[in-house]
Amino acid sequence: MRIAAHPILDPLPEVESVTFRFDGRDVEGREGEPLAVALLAAGVRVFRTMPRFGDARGGYCMVGRCADCMVFVDGVPGVRACVTPVR
């Protein structure tokens, strides 16, 4: 689901691929891109669920202002996926 060729923008520069695990599955991303972008490109729309009622949460503002995209990264809770680079 990643845009590889765009009629106006230049082609994406060559960047190393990085594989990481999210909810037990391997996801491939481009090094340095936000986690949320890699997840969305892999077809993942739900990053977490709310503890009380299980409501699905994904990207909302995508600029690090809200809390909808918070995930665990290397065991650290509350990491915003929209501004955290893939490494």
Protein backbone atom coordinates (compact mmCIF):
# COMPACT_ATOMS: atom_id res chain seq x y z
CA MET A 1 0.00 0.00 0.00
CA ARG A 2 3.01 2.28 -0.26
CA ILE A 3 3.14 4.83 -3.08
CA ALA A 4 6.26 4.07 -5.10
CA ALA A 5 5.70 6.38 -8.07
CA HIS A 6 3.92 9.72 -7.95
CA PRO A 7 3.20 11.92 -10.98
CA ILE A 8 4.36 15.13 -9.24
CA LEU A 9 6.81 14.10 -6.53
CA ASP A 10 10.24 12.68 -7.26
CA PRO A 11 10.77 8.94 -6.75
CA LEU A 12 11.45 7.87 -3.19
CA PRO A 13 15.17 7.81 -2.41
CA GLU A 14 16.79 4.46 -1.80
CA VAL A 15 16.70 3.73 1.93
CA GLU A 16 17.47 0.53 3.79
CA SER A 17 14.49 -1.63 4.76
CA VAL A 18 14.01 -2.49 8.41
CA THR A 19 11.87 -5.35 9.71
CA PHE A 20 10.22 -4.97 13.11
CA ARG A 21 7.51 -6.84 15.00
CA PHE A 22 4.09 -5.40 15.72
CA ASP A 23 1.42 -7.46 17.48
CA GLY A 24 3.29 -10.66 16.70
CA ARG A 25 3.78 -10.07 12.98
CA ASP A 26 6.76 -8.88 11.01
CA VAL A 27 6.35 -5.45 9.41
CA GLU A 28 8.76 -3.96 6.91
CA GLY A 29 9.47 -0.24 6.98
CA ARG A 30 11.97 2.20 5.56
CA GLU A 31 14.69 3.25 8.00
CA GLY A 32 13.92 6.66 9.49
CA GLU A 33 10.26 6.88 8.49
CA PRO A 34 7.70 7.16 11.31
CA LEU A 35 6.40 3.89 12.74
CA ALA A 36 2.85 4.93 11.90
CA VAL A 37 3.76 5.32 8.22
CA ALA A 38 5.31 1.84 8.09
CA LEU A 39 2.27 0.36 9.83
CA LEU A 40 -0.19 2.10 7.52
CA ALA A 41 1.82 1.00 4.46
CA ALA A 42 1.60 -2.57 5.77
CA GLY A 43 -2.19 -2.30 6.05
CA VAL A 44 -2.31 -1.91 9.85
CA ARG A 45 -5.04 0.58 10.78
CA VAL A 46 -5.43 -0.17 14.50
CA PHE A 47 -2.37 0.61 16.61
CA ARG A 48 -3.98 -0.03 20.00
CA THR A 49 -7.33 -0.46 21.75
CA MET A 50 -8.71 1.43 24.71
CA PRO A 51 -8.50 -0.55 27.96
CA ARG A 52 -12.04 0.06 29.21
CA PHE A 53 -14.22 -0.63 26.16
CA GLY A 54 -11.76 -1.90 23.54
CA ASP A 55 -12.31 0.98 21.12
CA ALA A 56 -9.83 0.89 18.24
CA ARG A 57 -7.25 3.66 17.92
CA GLY A 58 -4.90 4.45 15.05
CA GLY A 59 -3.43 7.62 13.64
CA TYR A 60 -5.45 10.81 14.15
CA CYS A 61 -3.42 14.02 14.11
CA MET A 62 -0.20 12.34 12.87
CA VAL A 63 1.96 15.21 14.21
CA GLY A 64 2.52 14.08 17.82
CA ARG A 65 -0.20 16.15 19.51
CA CYS A 66 -2.83 13.55 20.39
CA ALA A 67 -2.53 10.15 22.10
CA ASP A 68 -4.30 7.92 19.57
CA CYS A 69 -1.17 6.36 18.05
CA MET A 70 0.59 5.47 21.30
CA VAL A 71 2.30 2.06 21.21
CA PHE A 72 4.91 0.07 23.14
CA VAL A 73 8.41 0.34 21.66
CA ASP A 74 11.09 -1.94 23.11
CA GLY A 75 8.93 -2.38 26.22
CA VAL A 76 8.44 1.37 26.75
CA PRO A 77 4.74 2.36 26.89
CA GLY A 78 3.27 5.59 25.57
CA VAL A 79 5.50 6.07 22.52
CA ARG A 80 3.85 8.09 19.74
CA ALA A 81 4.12 6.03 16.54
CA CYS A 82 3.56 9.07 14.31
CA VAL A 83 6.81 10.78 15.33
CA THR A 84 9.02 7.82 16.28
CA PRO A 85 11.35 6.72 13.47
CA VAL A 86 11.72 3.13 12.37
CA ARG A 87 15.16 1.80 13.31
